[in-house]
């Protein structure tokens, strides 16, 4: 199962076919009669010449379509109306209801973690899957933790001269064995540092970090080199985003 970031872009009009967190193979779909909640309302403001919509809450129950699994998941979030113009002058428009999940339990399996991936790495990655929906910055922090555990698995020392080594120092040692991997992981590490100062994060931050992590884990514990191009694109996106953040903080 390759990582598809488009499944996790919010808000959306229709619930995506997320990968089941139970079997890892089936797709989850809303059960009949779901989602539920008060319908959002909105109106066109002639004075401001814009459409305003009141946000409402929704809940949804979904289940895996795999007959051998049928795992249920619960979704909570906000919903509102967004107008879509039918012509360039906005003389006519349609209004569509959009959903923005803020909590999912259990969270969808965003990508397939290789079966031989050590549990010490698997656990923070799965935590990142869960935190993505409610706290993107915390999700990136969990991904950063998985990098520390990855360094452990690669036998990169955590201490030197009786003093704890930083992740940057450990990555520098790792560079001698995997120059390209070092460059990718460095971007994730630097993004994590930036988000500590900004105290916030975006969906894009998490998705780009996961694209890189998916490639690194696949290379080390799965099928080498199969996701290199996607990881390189994600690293470029993260570097561009970091430069914007550093310029704002300067």
C-alpha atoms as a PDB file:
ATOM      1  CA  UNK A   1       0.000   0.000   0.000  1.00  0.00           C
ATOM      2  CA  UNK A   2       1.657   3.212  -1.179  1.00  0.00           C
ATOM      3  CA  UNK A   3       1.094   6.473   0.663  1.00  0.00           C
ATOM      4  CA  UNK A   4      -1.577   8.654  -0.981  1.00  0.00           C
ATOM      5  CA  UNK A   5      -1.612  12.154   0.609  1.00  0.00           C
ATOM      6  CA  UNK A   6      -4.767  13.096  -1.323  1.00  0.00           C
ATOM      7  CA  UNK A   7      -6.789  10.833   0.996  1.00  0.00           C
ATOM      8  CA  UNK A   8      -5.929  13.061   3.955  1.00  0.00           C
ATOM      9  CA  UNK A   9      -6.523  16.539   2.560  1.00  0.00           C
ATOM     10  CA  UNK A  10      -9.109  18.469   4.563  1.00  0.00           C
ATOM     11  CA  UNK A  11     -11.844  19.669   4.222  1.00  0.00           C
ATOM     12  CA  UNK A  12     -13.647  17.338   1.809  1.00  0.00           C
ATOM     13  CA  UNK A  13     -17.145  16.940   0.365  1.00  0.00           C
ATOM     14  CA  UNK A  14     -17.230  13.152   0.503  1.00  0.00           C
ATOM     15  CA  UNK A  15     -15.520  10.855   2.970  1.00  0.00           C
ATOM     16  CA  UNK A  16     -12.393   9.314   1.389  1.00  0.00           C
ATOM     17  CA  UNK A  17     -11.912   5.551   1.281  1.00  0.00           C
ATOM     18  CA  UNK A  18      -9.308   5.429   4.038  1.00  0.00           C
ATOM     19  CA  UNK A  19      -7.220   2.323   4.678  1.00  0.00           C
ATOM     20  CA  UNK A  20      -8.627   0.262   7.531  1.00  0.00           C
ATOM     21  CA  UNK A  21      -6.546   0.522  10.738  1.00  0.00           C
ATOM     22  CA  UNK A  22      -7.557  -3.042  11.594  1.00  0.00           C
ATOM     23  CA  UNK A  23      -6.735  -5.276   8.630  1.00  0.00           C
ATOM     24  CA  UNK A  24      -4.637  -2.740   6.693  1.00  0.00           C
ATOM     25  CA  UNK A  25      -6.225  -3.937   3.450  1.00  0.00           C
ATOM     26  CA  UNK A  26      -9.903  -3.004   3.386  1.00  0.00           C
ATOM     27  CA  UNK A  27     -11.350   0.465   2.933  1.00  0.00           C
ATOM     28  CA  UNK A  28     -13.591   2.149   5.490  1.00  0.00           C
ATOM     29  CA  UNK A  29     -16.867   3.783   4.472  1.00  0.00           C
ATOM     30  CA  UNK A  30     -19.586   5.645   6.419  1.00  0.00           C
ATOM     31  CA  UNK A  31     -22.373   3.413   7.686  1.00  0.00           C
ATOM     32  CA  UNK A  32     -25.901   4.076   6.426  1.00  0.00           C
ATOM     33  CA  UNK A  33     -27.348   7.210   7.990  1.00  0.00           C
ATOM     34  CA  UNK A  34     -23.979   8.716   8.875  1.00  0.00           C
ATOM     35  CA  UNK A  35     -22.551  11.369   9.263  1.00  0.00           C
ATOM     36  CA  UNK A  36     -25.002  13.025  11.638  1.00  0.00           C
ATOM     37  CA  UNK A  37     -25.269  16.454  13.198  1.00  0.00           C
ATOM     38  CA  UNK A  38     -26.964  19.805  12.807  1.00  0.00           C
ATOM     39  CA  UNK A  39     -26.848  20.978   9.197  1.00  0.00           C
ATOM     40  CA  UNK A  40     -24.738  24.111   8.691  1.00  0.00           C
ATOM     41  CA  UNK A  41     -26.381  27.283   7.423  1.00  0.00           C
ATOM     42  CA  UNK A  42     -25.022  30.174   5.410  1.00  0.00           C
ATOM     43  CA  UNK A  43     -25.939  33.255   3.441  1.00  0.00           C
ATOM     44  CA  UNK A  44     -24.579  35.655   0.874  1.00  0.00           C
ATOM     45  CA  UNK A  45     -23.481  38.995   2.330  1.00  0.00           C
ATOM     46  CA  UNK A  46     -24.260  41.607  -0.310  1.00  0.00           C
ATOM     47  CA  UNK A  47     -22.353  44.318   1.557  1.00  0.00           C
ATOM     48  CA  UNK A  48     -19.112  42.325   1.887  1.00  0.00           C
ATOM     49  CA  UNK A  49     -19.830  40.421  -1.325  1.00  0.00           C
ATOM     50  CA  UNK A  50     -18.943  37.095   0.219  1.00  0.00           C
ATOM     51  CA  UNK A  51     -20.634  33.949   1.468  1.00  0.00           C
ATOM     52  CA  UNK A  52     -20.555  33.295   5.198  1.00  0.00           C
ATOM     53  CA  UNK A  53     -21.342  29.959   6.800  1.00  0.00           C
ATOM     54  CA  UNK A  54     -21.917  28.960  10.407  1.00  0.00           C
ATOM     55  CA  UNK A  55     -19.840  25.964  11.495  1.00  0.00           C
ATOM     56  CA  UNK A  56     -21.561  22.986  13.063  1.00  0.00           C
ATOM     57  CA  UNK A  57     -20.347  19.709  14.599  1.00  0.00           C
ATOM     58  CA  UNK A  58     -20.744  16.280  13.071  1.00  0.00           C
ATOM     59  CA  UNK A  59     -20.131  12.697  14.095  1.00  0.00           C
ATOM     60  CA  UNK A  60     -19.781   9.679  11.830  1.00  0.00           C
ATOM     61  CA  UNK A  61     -19.460   5.950  12.242  1.00  0.00           C
ATOM     62  CA  UNK A  62     -17.532   4.114   9.542  1.00  0.00           C
ATOM     63  CA  UNK A  63     -16.700   0.466   9.002  1.00  0.00           C
ATOM     64  CA  UNK A  64     -14.255  -1.592   6.972  1.00  0.00           C
ATOM     65  CA  UNK A  65     -15.762  -3.114   3.834  1.00  0.00           C
ATOM     66  CA  UNK A  66     -13.550  -6.196   4.193  1.00  0.00           C
ATOM     67  CA  UNK A  67     -16.018  -8.916   5.229  1.00  0.00           C
ATOM     68  CA  UNK A  68     -13.322 -10.610   7.330  1.00  0.00           C
ATOM     69  CA  UNK A  69     -12.649  -7.418   9.284  1.00  0.00           C
ATOM     70  CA  UNK A  70     -15.560  -4.936   9.563  1.00  0.00           C
ATOM     71  CA  UNK A  71     -13.570  -2.768  11.991  1.00  0.00           C
ATOM     72  CA  UNK A  72     -15.600   0.262  13.106  1.00  0.00           C
ATOM     73  CA  UNK A  73     -14.110   3.735  13.530  1.00  0.00           C
ATOM     74  CA  UNK A  74     -15.586   6.949  14.955  1.00  0.00           C
ATOM     75  CA  UNK A  75     -15.070  10.409  13.448  1.00  0.00           C
ATOM     76  CA  UNK A  76     -15.763  13.800  15.065  1.00  0.00           C
ATOM     77  CA  UNK A  77     -15.286  17.152  13.401  1.00  0.00           C
ATOM     78  CA  UNK A  78     -16.728  20.387  12.049  1.00  0.00           C
ATOM     79  CA  UNK A  79     -18.776  21.025   8.932  1.00  0.00           C
ATOM     80  CA  UNK A  80     -19.670  24.163   7.002  1.00  0.00           C
ATOM     81  CA  UNK A  81     -20.891  25.356   3.616  1.00  0.00           C
ATOM     82  CA  UNK A  82     -18.622  26.571   0.796  1.00  0.00           C
ATOM     83  CA  UNK A  83     -20.002  28.248  -2.365  1.00  0.00           C
ATOM     84  CA  UNK A  84     -18.812  27.181  -5.811  1.00  0.00           C
ATOM     85  CA  UNK A  85     -19.280  29.739  -8.613  1.00  0.00           C
ATOM     86  CA  UNK A  86     -21.086  28.648 -11.749  1.00  0.00           C
ATOM     87  CA  UNK A  87     -19.674  31.556 -13.774  1.00  0.00           C
ATOM     88  CA  UNK A  88     -16.830  34.067 -13.548  1.00  0.00           C
ATOM     89  CA  UNK A  89     -19.106  36.879 -12.295  1.00  0.00           C
ATOM     90  CA  UNK A  90     -20.585  34.823  -9.445  1.00  0.00           C
ATOM     91  CA  UNK A  91     -24.065  35.602 -10.754  1.00  0.00           C
ATOM     92  CA  UNK A  92     -24.956  32.039  -9.862  1.00  0.00           C
ATOM     93  CA  UNK A  93     -23.413  29.548  -7.479  1.00  0.00           C
ATOM     94  CA  UNK A  94     -23.934  26.198  -5.795  1.00  0.00           C
ATOM     95  CA  UNK A  95     -23.371  25.578  -2.109  1.00  0.00           C
ATOM     96  CA  UNK A  96     -21.634  22.391  -0.965  1.00  0.00           C
ATOM     97  CA  UNK A  97     -21.248  20.958   2.514  1.00  0.00           C
ATOM     98  CA  UNK A  98     -17.649  20.212   3.555  1.00  0.00           C
ATOM     99  CA  UNK A  99     -16.332  18.136   6.438  1.00  0.00           C
ATOM    100  CA  UNK A 100     -13.203  18.694   8.528  1.00  0.00           C
ATOM    101  CA  UNK A 101     -12.410  15.730  10.839  1.00  0.00           C
ATOM    102  CA  UNK A 102     -10.702  16.714  14.096  1.00  0.00           C
ATOM    103  CA  UNK A 103     -10.559  13.329  15.819  1.00  0.00           C
ATOM    104  CA  UNK A 104     -10.682   9.752  14.510  1.00  0.00           C
ATOM    105  CA  UNK A 105     -10.467   6.605  16.616  1.00  0.00           C
ATOM    106  CA  UNK A 106      -8.845   4.357  15.649  1.00  0.00           C
ATOM    107  CA  UNK A 107      -7.026   6.470  13.059  1.00  0.00           C
ATOM    108  CA  UNK A 108      -6.673   5.221   9.466  1.00  0.00           C
ATOM    109  CA  UNK A 109      -3.437   3.505   8.467  1.00  0.00           C
ATOM    110  CA  UNK A 110      -1.909   6.314   6.426  1.00  0.00           C
ATOM    111  CA  UNK A 111       0.709   4.034   4.883  1.00  0.00           C
ATOM    112  CA  UNK A 112       1.751   0.423   5.308  1.00  0.00           C
ATOM    113  CA  UNK A 113       4.523   0.095   7.865  1.00  0.00           C
ATOM    114  CA  UNK A 114       6.749  -2.847   6.768  1.00  0.00           C
ATOM    115  CA  UNK A 115       6.024  -5.963   8.791  1.00  0.00           C
ATOM    116  CA  UNK A 116       9.680  -6.293   9.838  1.00  0.00           C
ATOM    117  CA  UNK A 117       9.879  -2.674  11.053  1.00  0.00           C
ATOM    118  CA  UNK A 118      10.937  -2.664  14.742  1.00  0.00           C
ATOM    119  CA  UNK A 119       8.206  -1.918  17.278  1.00  0.00           C
ATOM    120  CA  UNK A 120      10.239   0.987  18.678  1.00  0.00           C
ATOM    121  CA  UNK A 121       9.785   2.773  15.341  1.00  0.00           C
ATOM    122  CA  UNK A 122       6.282   1.513  14.595  1.00  0.00           C
ATOM    123  CA  UNK A 123       4.732   2.914  17.793  1.00  0.00           C
ATOM    124  CA  UNK A 124       5.594   6.630  17.303  1.00  0.00           C
ATOM    125  CA  UNK A 125       4.632   6.380  13.625  1.00  0.00           C
ATOM    126  CA  UNK A 126       1.194   5.049  14.552  1.00  0.00           C
ATOM    127  CA  UNK A 127       0.894   7.814  17.149  1.00  0.00           C
ATOM    128  CA  UNK A 128       1.603  10.320  14.355  1.00  0.00           C
ATOM    129  CA  UNK A 129      -1.263   8.804  12.337  1.00  0.00           C
ATOM    130  CA  UNK A 130      -3.570   9.468  15.300  1.00  0.00           C
ATOM    131  CA  UNK A 131      -2.309  12.965  16.125  1.00  0.00           C
ATOM    132  CA  UNK A 132      -2.460  14.176  12.522  1.00  0.00           C
ATOM    133  CA  UNK A 133      -6.196  14.845  12.858  1.00  0.00           C
ATOM    134  CA  UNK A 134      -6.106  16.891  16.075  1.00  0.00           C
ATOM    135  CA  UNK A 135      -2.549  18.266  16.481  1.00  0.00           C
ATOM    136  CA  UNK A 136      -0.310  18.330  13.369  1.00  0.00           C
ATOM    137  CA  UNK A 137       2.669  19.798  15.269  1.00  0.00           C
ATOM    138  CA  UNK A 138       2.509  16.926  17.792  1.00  0.00           C
ATOM    139  CA  UNK A 139       2.321  14.472  14.884  1.00  0.00           C
ATOM    140  CA  UNK A 140       5.571  15.871  13.440  1.00  0.00           C
ATOM    141  CA  UNK A 141       7.131  15.566  16.915  1.00  0.00           C
ATOM    142  CA  UNK A 142       6.214  11.858  16.950  1.00  0.00           C
ATOM    143  CA  UNK A 143       7.765  11.455  13.509  1.00  0.00           C
ATOM    144  CA  UNK A 144      10.901  13.088  14.884  1.00  0.00           C
ATOM    145  CA  UNK A 145      10.859  10.529  17.722  1.00  0.00           C
ATOM    146  CA  UNK A 146      10.703   7.752  15.142  1.00  0.00           C
ATOM    147  CA  UNK A 147      13.908   9.186  13.611  1.00  0.00           C
ATOM    148  CA  UNK A 148      15.651   8.793  16.986  1.00  0.00           C
ATOM    149  CA  UNK A 149      14.529   5.166  17.155  1.00  0.00           C
ATOM    150  CA  UNK A 150      15.642   4.695  13.534  1.00  0.00           C
ATOM    151  CA  UNK A 151      19.106   5.902  14.535  1.00  0.00           C
ATOM    152  CA  UNK A 152      19.068   3.321  17.353  1.00  0.00           C
ATOM    153  CA  UNK A 153      18.289   0.545  14.864  1.00  0.00           C
ATOM    154  CA  UNK A 154      21.121   1.729  12.630  1.00  0.00           C
ATOM    155  CA  UNK A 155      23.520   1.450  15.595  1.00  0.00           C
ATOM    156  CA  UNK A 156      24.208   5.190  15.613  1.00  0.00           C
ATOM    157  CA  UNK A 157      25.472   6.029  19.144  1.00  0.00           C
ATOM    158  CA  UNK A 158      23.175   8.093  21.359  1.00  0.00           C
ATOM    159  CA  UNK A 159      25.992   9.238  23.638  1.00  0.00           C
ATOM    160  CA  UNK A 160      29.541  10.437  23.192  1.00  0.00           C
ATOM    161  CA  UNK A 161      31.990  11.009  26.008  1.00  0.00           C
ATOM    162  CA  UNK A 162      29.221  10.395  28.534  1.00  0.00           C
ATOM    163  CA  UNK A 163      27.024  13.135  27.049  1.00  0.00           C
ATOM    164  CA  UNK A 164      23.799  12.640  25.106  1.00  0.00           C
ATOM    165  CA  UNK A 165      24.115  13.344  21.383  1.00  0.00           C
ATOM    166  CA  UNK A 166      21.548  15.495  19.590  1.00  0.00           C
ATOM    167  CA  UNK A 167      19.579  14.106  16.678  1.00  0.00           C
ATOM    168  CA  UNK A 168      21.559  16.420  14.409  1.00  0.00           C
ATOM    169  CA  UNK A 169      24.835  14.897  15.617  1.00  0.00           C
ATOM    170  CA  UNK A 170      23.525  11.382  15.126  1.00  0.00           C
ATOM    171  CA  UNK A 171      22.295  12.188  11.629  1.00  0.00           C
ATOM    172  CA  UNK A 172      25.729  13.587  10.766  1.00  0.00           C
ATOM    173  CA  UNK A 173      27.257  10.220  11.666  1.00  0.00           C
ATOM    174  CA  UNK A 174      24.543   8.446   9.646  1.00  0.00           C
ATOM    175  CA  UNK A 175      25.461  10.579   6.620  1.00  0.00           C
ATOM    176  CA  UNK A 176      28.623   8.512   6.103  1.00  0.00           C
ATOM    177  CA  UNK A 177      26.484   5.430   5.352  1.00  0.00           C
ATOM    178  CA  UNK A 178      23.550   7.022   3.489  1.00  0.00           C
ATOM    179  CA  UNK A 179      24.091  10.512   2.061  1.00  0.00           C
ATOM    180  CA  UNK A 180      20.681  10.717   0.396  1.00  0.00           C
ATOM    181  CA  UNK A 181      18.831   9.359   3.427  1.00  0.00           C
ATOM    182  CA  UNK A 182      20.661  11.869   5.610  1.00  0.00           C
ATOM    183  CA  UNK A 183      19.432  14.746   3.450  1.00  0.00           C
ATOM    184  CA  UNK A 184      15.823  13.565   3.623  1.00  0.00           C
ATOM    185  CA  UNK A 185      15.801  12.932   7.368  1.00  0.00           C
ATOM    186  CA  UNK A 186      17.552  16.225   8.054  1.00  0.00           C
ATOM    187  CA  UNK A 187      14.623  18.088   6.484  1.00  0.00           C
ATOM    188  CA  UNK A 188      12.161  16.321   8.789  1.00  0.00           C
ATOM    189  CA  UNK A 189      14.354  17.057  11.799  1.00  0.00           C
ATOM    190  CA  UNK A 190      14.694  20.741  10.885  1.00  0.00           C
ATOM    191  CA  UNK A 191      10.935  21.007  10.344  1.00  0.00           C
ATOM    192  CA  UNK A 192      10.374  19.584  13.820  1.00  0.00           C
ATOM    193  CA  UNK A 193      12.729  22.221  15.266  1.00  0.00           C
ATOM    194  CA  UNK A 194      10.864  24.989  13.440  1.00  0.00           C
ATOM    195  CA  UNK A 195       7.463  23.840  14.709  1.00  0.00           C
ATOM    196  CA  UNK A 196       8.736  23.924  18.296  1.00  0.00           C
ATOM    197  CA  UNK A 197       9.303  27.663  17.870  1.00  0.00           C
ATOM    198  CA  UNK A 198       6.111  28.299  15.882  1.00  0.00           C
ATOM    199  CA  UNK A 199       4.034  26.122  18.258  1.00  0.00           C
ATOM    200  CA  UNK A 200       1.823  25.127  15.369  1.00  0.00           C
ATOM    201  CA  UNK A 201       1.820  22.864  12.342  1.00  0.00           C
ATOM    202  CA  UNK A 202      -0.151  22.214   9.178  1.00  0.00           C
ATOM    203  CA  UNK A 203      -1.523  19.140   7.484  1.00  0.00           C
ATOM    204  CA  UNK A 204       1.050  19.678   4.734  1.00  0.00           C
ATOM    205  CA  UNK A 205       3.870  19.552   7.306  1.00  0.00           C
ATOM    206  CA  UNK A 206       2.732  16.121   8.455  1.00  0.00           C
ATOM    207  CA  UNK A 207       1.998  14.732   5.004  1.00  0.00           C
ATOM    208  CA  UNK A 208       5.404  15.754   3.616  1.00  0.00           C
ATOM    209  CA  UNK A 209       7.155  14.289   6.666  1.00  0.00           C
ATOM    210  CA  UNK A 210       5.229  11.034   6.270  1.00  0.00           C
ATOM    211  CA  UNK A 211       6.113  10.807   2.574  1.00  0.00           C
ATOM    212  CA  UNK A 212       9.780  10.890   3.533  1.00  0.00           C
ATOM    213  CA  UNK A 213       9.352   8.471   6.431  1.00  0.00           C
ATOM    214  CA  UNK A 214       7.402   6.054   4.236  1.00  0.00           C
ATOM    215  CA  UNK A 215      10.315   5.986   1.789  1.00  0.00           C
ATOM    216  CA  UNK A 216      12.971   5.577   4.496  1.00  0.00           C
ATOM    217  CA  UNK A 217      11.150   2.697   6.213  1.00  0.00           C
ATOM    218  CA  UNK A 218      10.395   1.059   2.885  1.00  0.00           C
ATOM    219  CA  UNK A 219      14.049   1.318   1.883  1.00  0.00           C
ATOM    220  CA  UNK A 220      15.320  -0.088   5.187  1.00  0.00           C
ATOM    221  CA  UNK A 221      12.683  -2.675   6.015  1.00  0.00           C
ATOM    222  CA  UNK A 222      10.583  -3.184   2.876  1.00  0.00           C
ATOM    223  CA  UNK A 223      11.203  -2.728  -0.851  1.00  0.00           C
ATOM    224  CA  UNK A 224      14.275  -0.535  -1.462  1.00  0.00           C
ATOM    225  CA  UNK A 225      14.115   2.568  -3.668  1.00  0.00           C
ATOM    226  CA  UNK A 226      10.448   2.189  -4.656  1.00  0.00           C
ATOM    227  CA  UNK A 227       9.357   5.582  -3.248  1.00  0.00           C
ATOM    228  CA  UNK A 228      12.465   7.708  -3.743  1.00  0.00           C
ATOM    229  CA  UNK A 229      10.933  10.294  -6.101  1.00  0.00           C
ATOM    230  CA  UNK A 230       8.009  11.077  -3.779  1.00  0.00           C
ATOM    231  CA  UNK A 231      10.368  11.446  -0.823  1.00  0.00           C
ATOM    232  CA  UNK A 232      12.636  13.851  -2.738  1.00  0.00           C
ATOM    233  CA  UNK A 233       9.628  16.012  -3.698  1.00  0.00           C
ATOM    234  CA  UNK A 234       8.526  16.088  -0.054  1.00  0.00           C
ATOM    235  CA  UNK A 235      12.011  17.134   1.093  1.00  0.00           C
ATOM    236  CA  UNK A 236      11.997  20.063  -1.347  1.00  0.00           C
ATOM    237  CA  UNK A 237       8.535  21.112  -0.103  1.00  0.00           C
ATOM    238  CA  UNK A 238       9.678  20.975   3.529  1.00  0.00           C
ATOM    239  CA  UNK A 239      12.832  22.980   2.784  1.00  0.00           C
ATOM    240  CA  UNK A 240      10.764  25.684   1.060  1.00  0.00           C
ATOM    241  CA  UNK A 241       8.352  25.772   3.990  1.00  0.00           C
ATOM    242  CA  UNK A 242      11.247  26.011   6.514  1.00  0.00           C
ATOM    243  CA  UNK A 243      12.759  28.946   4.675  1.00  0.00           C
ATOM    244  CA  UNK A 244       9.432  30.802   4.831  1.00  0.00           C
ATOM    245  CA  UNK A 245       9.171  30.105   8.561  1.00  0.00           C
ATOM    246  CA  UNK A 246      12.728  31.194   9.263  1.00  0.00           C
ATOM    247  CA  UNK A 247      12.203  34.424   7.363  1.00  0.00           C
ATOM    248  CA  UNK A 248       9.084  35.178   9.437  1.00  0.00           C
ATOM    249  CA  UNK A 249      10.942  34.444  12.686  1.00  0.00           C
ATOM    250  CA  UNK A 250      14.014  36.498  11.740  1.00  0.00           C
END
